[in-house]
Amino acid sequence: MNRMASEQFEACAGGAEGAGRRALITGVRGFTGRYLARELGAAGYRVFGTVMPGEPLGPDMFHVDLCARSAVARMVAQVQPDVVAHLAGISFVPHADAEQVYRVNVVGTRNLLEALAGARRRPGAVLLASSANIYGNACAGAIDESVAPVPANDYAVSKLAMENMARLWNERLPIVIARPFNYTGVGQDEQFLLPKIVAHFRRRAPDIALGNVDVARDFSDVRAVAASYRRLLAASPAGQAFNVCSGRAHSVSSVLALMEDIAGYRIAVEVNPALVRSGDVLTLAGCNDKLASVIGRQRGTPLADTLRWMYEA
């Protein structure tokens, strides 16, 4: 992206980008959804969202089970969104019910795309949140979008299946695939690795049980991910997939060292064999050059700053 285009993106954040436009976020109450709602709202969009039946409703929110095809169609007909960010799904890799993972992540997405394609006014951009987990145990240095997927768990297979299914709709909808690598921030559930580590340090626990501490991940700040999603929706590079990542991998042991500096004490680590998953992806670091070519190079947040934000929240 050239300098002028980058400056135009920055100007959009002031409100012109989304003025008079409707944004739909599925899973708006989820970890990422909350941050993207703020990001889109600040850019001037009127933000609508879906939550699961039984959850409290807020303004412009709808109770929708994405596996209920007719309910999805009714919601889309009522919202008539200009842009859509599909974030709802099961994102916890060791989720116990594999059937539910496939049903929600694949069939639920198909129901949404069918409803959008049949809407009276079709959206100008549809972002589908996939996952860098589809690359599996890739050993390609900084992984770019040309690396062949070799998914190593049901979650990753479900996301790759979702991507393949979405291709059936490319001629009818402007679909953009986002493949986020790991990211974290305030509000992420403690079942995920970094929030678990931060929570132990916040309560000054003497020890922590972890899996393989040599596993390395490319961690981003959730606020940077939300900003990337907004920019992709504005650019709408239809029919393409983009890594959303920092470009640098951090091992679990290095995260522990950062937290020891932040909290001012050393924690004892117990490696629990039950937490060492077979088929675990050992190192996952991404290349974000393709993303930067479309939305501009973003100033990344150092992982230490993200961890401190979480620790002090």
Protein backbone atom coordinates (compact mmCIF):
# COMPACT_ATOMS: atom_id res chain seq x y z
CA MET A 1 0.00 0.00 0.00
CA ASN A 2 1.34 3.46 -0.89
CA ARG A 3 1.57 6.35 1.52
CA MET A 4 -1.54 8.12 0.22
CA ALA A 5 -3.67 4.98 0.62
CA SER A 6 -2.32 4.45 4.12
CA GLU A 7 -3.22 8.02 5.07
CA GLN A 8 -6.72 7.50 3.68
CA PHE A 9 -7.15 4.46 5.94
CA GLU A 10 -6.08 6.52 8.93
CA ALA A 11 -8.59 9.22 8.00
CA CYS A 12 -11.34 6.59 7.79
CA ALA A 13 -10.82 5.75 11.45
CA GLY A 14 -12.16 9.21 12.28
CA GLY A 15 -15.66 8.19 11.15
CA ALA A 16 -15.98 8.76 7.38
CA GLU A 17 -15.38 5.10 6.52
CA GLY A 18 -18.53 3.70 8.07
CA ALA A 19 -20.83 6.72 8.03
CA GLY A 20 -24.36 5.60 7.16
CA ARG A 21 -23.27 1.96 6.84
CA ARG A 22 -24.30 -1.14 8.77
CA ALA A 23 -21.80 -3.69 10.07
CA LEU A 24 -22.84 -7.16 11.23
CA ILE A 25 -20.56 -9.08 13.63
CA THR A 26 -21.47 -12.66 14.41
CA GLY A 27 -20.31 -13.51 17.91
CA VAL A 28 -20.25 -9.85 18.88
CA ARG A 29 -20.00 -10.69 22.59
CA GLY A 30 -16.99 -12.94 22.07
CA PHE A 31 -13.43 -11.96 22.87
CA THR A 32 -12.64 -10.60 19.40
CA GLY A 33 -16.16 -9.39 18.70
CA ARG A 34 -16.13 -6.87 21.53
CA TYR A 35 -12.95 -5.23 20.24
CA LEU A 36 -14.07 -5.25 16.62
CA ALA A 37 -17.41 -3.67 17.62
CA ARG A 38 -15.51 -0.79 19.23
CA GLU A 39 -13.23 -0.49 16.20
CA LEU A 40 -16.09 -0.38 13.71
CA GLY A 41 -18.18 1.89 15.90
CA ALA A 42 -15.30 4.37 16.14
CA ALA A 43 -15.07 4.30 12.33
CA GLY A 44 -18.70 5.39 12.06
CA TYR A 45 -20.52 2.12 11.40
CA ARG A 46 -23.78 1.20 13.06
CA VAL A 47 -22.85 -2.14 14.57
CA PHE A 48 -25.25 -5.08 14.74
CA GLY A 49 -24.35 -8.40 16.29
CA THR A 50 -25.46 -11.93 17.04
CA VAL A 51 -25.32 -13.66 20.41
CA MET A 52 -26.35 -17.17 21.36
CA PRO A 53 -29.92 -17.74 22.57
CA GLY A 54 -30.15 -17.17 26.30
CA GLU A 55 -27.43 -14.51 26.46
CA PRO A 56 -28.42 -10.95 27.45
CA LEU A 57 -29.27 -8.69 24.54
CA GLY A 58 -27.99 -5.18 23.93
CA PRO A 59 -28.91 -2.57 21.32
CA ASP A 60 -28.93 -3.93 17.76
CA MET A 61 -28.26 -7.49 18.93
CA PHE A 62 -30.04 -10.67 17.90
CA HIS A 63 -30.36 -14.11 19.46
CA VAL A 64 -29.21 -16.45 16.69
CA ASP A 65 -27.95 -20.01 16.62
CA LEU A 66 -26.01 -20.12 13.35
CA CYS A 67 -26.93 -23.78 12.94
CA ALA A 68 -30.60 -22.72 12.72
CA ARG A 69 -30.82 -21.87 9.03
CA SER A 70 -34.16 -20.05 9.06
CA ALA A 71 -33.20 -17.92 12.06
CA VAL A 72 -30.01 -16.82 10.32
CA ALA A 73 -31.97 -15.85 7.20
CA ARG A 74 -34.47 -13.79 9.23
CA MET A 75 -31.69 -11.95 11.03
CA VAL A 76 -29.84 -11.08 7.80
CA ALA A 77 -33.07 -9.88 6.16
CA GLN A 78 -33.70 -7.57 9.11
CA VAL A 79 -30.15 -6.15 9.39
CA GLN A 80 -29.32 -5.81 5.67
CA PRO A 81 -25.61 -5.31 6.48
CA ASP A 82 -23.14 -3.43 4.29
CA VAL A 83 -20.20 -5.36 5.73
CA VAL A 84 -20.05 -8.61 7.69
CA ALA A 85 -17.41 -10.01 10.04
CA HIS A 86 -18.12 -13.65 10.80
CA LEU A 87 -16.35 -14.35 14.09
CA ALA A 88 -18.79 -16.76 15.74
CA GLY A 89 -17.55 -20.31 16.07
CA ILE A 90 -15.75 -22.74 18.32
CA SER A 91 -12.17 -21.52 18.70
CA PHE A 92 -10.83 -23.72 21.50
CA VAL A 93 -8.56 -26.31 19.87
CA PRO A 94 -9.09 -29.18 22.38
CA HIS A 95 -12.89 -28.72 22.42
CA ALA A 96 -14.35 -32.04 23.57
CA ASP A 97 -17.19 -32.36 21.03
CA ALA A 98 -15.68 -32.75 17.55
CA GLU A 99 -19.10 -33.05 15.92
CA GLN A 100 -20.11 -29.69 17.33
CA VAL A 101 -16.86 -28.12 16.10
CA TYR A 102 -17.64 -29.14 12.51
CA ARG A 103 -21.33 -28.30 12.74
CA VAL A 104 -20.78 -24.78 14.07
CA ASN A 105 -17.66 -23.86 12.11
CA VAL A 106 -18.72 -25.29 8.74
CA VAL A 107 -22.52 -25.64 8.62
CA GLY A 108 -23.08 -22.46 10.62
CA THR A 109 -20.89 -20.52 8.21
CA ARG A 110 -22.69 -21.99 5.22
CA ASN A 111 -26.04 -20.93 6.64
CA LEU A 112 -24.75 -17.37 6.99
CA LEU A 113 -23.34 -17.23 3.45
CA GLU A 114 -26.56 -18.62 2.01
CA ALA A 115 -28.55 -15.94 3.81
CA LEU A 116 -26.23 -13.15 2.69
CA ALA A 117 -26.24 -14.32 -0.94
CA GLY A 118 -30.04 -14.36 -0.92
CA ALA A 119 -30.47 -10.98 0.75
CA ARG A 120 -32.23 -8.12 -1.02
CA ARG A 121 -29.07 -6.04 -0.66
CA ARG A 122 -25.84 -8.00 -0.67
CA PRO A 123 -22.94 -6.77 1.51
CA GLY A 124 -19.86 -5.12 0.04
CA ALA A 125 -17.47 -7.23 2.13
CA VAL A 126 -17.74 -10.49 4.08
CA LEU A 127 -14.81 -11.36 6.32
CA LEU A 128 -14.59 -14.96 7.51
CA ALA A 129 -12.33 -15.63 10.47
CA SER A 130 -10.37 -18.81 9.73
CA SER A 131 -7.15 -19.72 11.57
CA ALA A 132 -3.42 -20.11 11.03
CA ASN A 133 -3.88 -23.52 12.62
CA ILE A 134 -4.69 -24.78 9.13
CA TYR A 135 -0.95 -24.70 8.31
CA GLY A 136 -0.25 -27.41 10.88
CA ASN A 137 3.37 -28.19 11.74
CA ALA A 138 4.70 -26.14 8.84
CA CYS A 139 8.46 -25.64 8.82
CA ALA A 140 8.78 -22.76 6.40
CA GLY A 141 10.30 -20.00 8.50
CA ALA A 142 7.79 -17.18 8.39
CA ILE A 143 4.69 -18.89 6.98
CA ASP A 144 3.00 -17.04 4.14
CA GLU A 145 -0.29 -17.73 2.43
CA SER A 146 1.34 -19.96 -0.22
CA VAL A 147 2.24 -22.63 2.35
CA ALA A 148 0.12 -25.74 1.79
CA PRO A 149 -2.32 -26.42 4.65
CA VAL A 150 -1.65 -29.55 6.72
CA PRO A 151 -4.14 -29.27 9.61
CA ALA A 152 -3.22 -31.30 12.69
CA ASN A 153 -6.42 -31.24 14.77
CA ASP A 154 -10.21 -31.16 14.32
CA TYR A 155 -10.42 -27.43 14.90
CA ALA A 156 -7.92 -26.74 12.11
CA VAL A 157 -9.62 -29.22 9.76
CA SER A 158 -12.97 -27.51 10.41
CA LYS A 159 -11.51 -24.11 9.52
CA LEU A 160 -9.92 -25.41 6.32
CA ALA A 161 -13.22 -27.07 5.42
CA MET A 162 -14.94 -23.73 6.03
CA GLU A 163 -12.51 -21.99 3.65
CA ASN A 164 -13.10 -24.60 0.95
CA MET A 165 -16.87 -24.41 1.40
CA ALA A 166 -16.76 -20.61 1.17
CA ARG A 167 -15.25 -20.83 -2.31
CA LEU A 168 -18.65 -22.03 -3.52
CA TRP A 169 -19.96 -18.55 -2.78
CA ASN A 170 -17.13 -16.47 -4.25
CA GLU A 171 -19.10 -15.54 -7.37
CA ARG A 172 -22.03 -14.27 -5.29
CA LEU A 173 -20.31 -12.67 -2.32
CA PRO A 174 -17.13 -10.59 -1.82
CA ILE A 175 -15.52 -12.99 0.65
CA VAL A 176 -12.22 -12.24 2.43
CA ILE A 177 -10.55 -14.95 4.51
CA ALA A 178 -8.58 -13.88 7.60
CA ARG A 179 -6.13 -16.41 9.03
CA PRO A 180 -5.21 -15.03 12.43
CA PHE A 181 -2.28 -16.50 14.28
CA ASN A 182 -2.50 -16.54 18.07
CA TYR A 183 -3.56 -13.30 19.72
CA THR A 184 -4.50 -12.24 23.21
CA GLY A 185 -5.59 -9.36 25.41
CA VAL A 186 -7.81 -8.28 28.27
CA GLY A 187 -10.98 -10.37 28.42
CA GLN A 188 -9.70 -13.57 26.84
CA ASP A 189 -10.82 -16.68 28.70
CA GLU A 190 -8.31 -18.33 31.04
CA GLN A 191 -8.71 -21.64 29.18
CA PHE A 192 -6.31 -20.08 26.66
CA LEU A 193 -2.60 -20.17 27.37
CA LEU A 194 -1.52 -16.55 27.86
CA PRO A 195 -4.51 -15.47 29.98
CA LYS A 196 -3.91 -18.55 32.13
CA ILE A 197 -0.27 -17.57 32.64
CA VAL A 198 -1.14 -13.93 33.38
CA ALA A 199 -3.85 -14.95 35.85
CA HIS A 200 -1.39 -17.10 37.80
CA PHE A 201 1.02 -14.19 38.10
CA ARG A 202 -1.75 -11.74 39.06
CA ARG A 203 -2.66 -13.88 42.05
CA ARG A 204 1.02 -14.57 42.72
CA ALA A 205 0.60 -18.33 42.47
CA PRO A 206 3.79 -20.18 43.47
CA ASP A 207 3.53 -22.67 40.59
CA ILE A 208 1.74 -23.39 37.33
CA ALA A 209 0.98 -26.58 35.37
CA LEU A 210 1.66 -26.27 31.65
CA GLY A 211 2.21 -28.46 28.62
CA ASN A 212 5.22 -28.20 26.34
CA VAL A 213 6.98 -24.93 27.25
CA ASP A 214 9.08 -25.12 24.07
CA VAL A 215 6.02 -24.58 21.86
CA ALA A 216 6.39 -21.23 20.06
CA ARG A 217 3.56 -19.06 18.78
CA ASP A 218 3.14 -15.81 16.87
CA PHE A 219 1.20 -13.69 19.37
CA SER A 220 -0.57 -10.45 18.43
CA ASP A 221 -2.55 -7.95 20.47
CA VAL A 222 -6.33 -8.35 20.00
CA ARG A 223 -6.62 -4.60 19.35
CA ALA A 224 -4.27 -4.90 16.38
CA VAL A 225 -6.26 -7.85 15.05
CA ALA A 226 -9.51 -5.87 15.28
CA ALA A 227 -7.88 -2.97 13.43
CA SER A 228 -6.70 -5.35 10.70
CA TYR A 229 -10.20 -6.78 10.31
CA ARG A 230 -11.70 -3.30 9.97
CA ARG A 231 -9.20 -2.36 7.31
CA LEU A 232 -9.80 -5.58 5.39
CA LEU A 233 -13.54 -4.89 5.42
CA ALA A 234 -12.88 -1.41 4.05
CA ALA A 235 -10.52 -2.64 1.34
CA SER A 236 -12.62 -5.75 0.50
CA PRO A 237 -9.95 -7.70 -1.43
CA ALA A 238 -12.50 -10.35 -2.41
CA GLY A 239 -11.51 -13.94 -3.03
CA GLN A 240 -8.24 -13.74 -1.11
CA ALA A 241 -6.85 -15.08 2.18
CA PHE A 242 -4.61 -13.09 4.51
CA ASN A 243 -2.43 -14.00 7.47
CA VAL A 244 -3.07 -11.72 10.44
CA CYS A 245 0.03 -11.92 12.62
CA SER A 246 3.00 -10.11 14.15
CA GLY A 247 5.67 -11.99 12.21
CA ARG A 248 7.50 -13.18 15.32
CA ALA A 249 7.17 -16.34 17.42
CA HIS A 250 7.53 -16.45 21.21
CA SER A 251 8.03 -19.69 23.10
CA VAL A 252 6.02 -20.38 26.24
CA SER A 253 9.24 -20.25 28.26
CA SER A 254 9.98 -16.74 26.90
CA VAL A 255 6.45 -15.62 27.84
CA LEU A 256 7.08 -16.88 31.37
CA ALA A 257 10.31 -14.87 31.48
CA LEU A 258 8.47 -11.70 30.39
CA MET A 259 5.83 -12.23 33.06
CA GLU A 260 8.46 -12.82 35.73
CA ASP A 261 9.93 -9.42 34.87
CA ILE A 262 6.50 -7.77 34.97
CA ALA A 263 5.35 -9.41 38.22
CA GLY A 264 8.73 -9.38 39.93
CA TYR A 265 8.95 -13.02 40.98
CA ARG A 266 9.78 -16.43 39.54
CA ILE A 267 7.09 -19.08 39.17
CA ALA A 268 7.73 -22.84 39.38
CA VAL A 269 6.63 -24.68 36.25
CA GLU A 270 5.26 -28.22 36.34
CA VAL A 271 4.96 -29.93 32.96
CA ASN A 272 1.68 -31.82 33.06
CA PRO A 273 1.64 -34.67 30.51
CA ALA A 274 -2.14 -34.31 30.23
CA LEU A 275 -1.60 -30.83 28.78
CA VAL A 276 0.88 -32.01 26.13
CA ARG A 277 -1.38 -32.57 23.14
CA SER A 278 -0.56 -35.11 20.47
CA GLY A 279 -0.39 -33.45 17.07
CA ASP A 280 0.41 -30.11 18.69
CA VAL A 281 1.80 -27.49 16.34
CA LEU A 282 5.36 -26.92 17.53
CA THR A 283 6.27 -23.57 15.95
CA LEU A 284 3.89 -21.22 14.19
CA ALA A 285 5.14 -17.85 12.98
CA GLY A 286 3.53 -15.88 10.20
CA CYS A 287 4.48 -13.55 7.39
CA ASN A 288 2.14 -10.55 7.12
CA ASP A 289 3.58 -9.00 3.93
CA LYS A 290 0.44 -9.75 1.89
CA LEU A 291 -1.78 -8.14 4.52
CA ALA A 292 0.48 -5.07 4.67
CA SER A 293 0.31 -4.69 0.88
CA VAL A 294 -3.46 -4.17 1.16
CA ILE A 295 -4.01 -2.35 4.47
CA GLY A 296 -0.60 -0.83 5.13
CA ARG A 297 2.09 -1.80 7.60
CA GLN A 298 0.77 -1.47 11.15
CA ARG A 299 2.83 -0.59 14.19
CA GLY A 300 2.79 -3.76 16.24
CA THR A 301 2.39 -3.84 20.01
CA PRO A 302 5.33 -5.57 21.73
CA LEU A 303 4.18 -8.71 23.50
CA ALA A 304 5.59 -7.40 26.79
CA ASP A 305 3.26 -4.38 26.53
CA THR A 306 0.24 -6.60 25.84
CA LEU A 307 1.09 -8.82 28.81
CA ARG A 308 1.50 -5.79 31.09
CA TRP A 309 -1.88 -4.46 29.91
CA MET A 310 -3.46 -7.79 30.82
CA TYR A 311 -1.61 -8.00 34.15
CA GLU A 312 -2.65 -4.49 35.21
CA ALA A 313 -6.27 -4.68 34.03
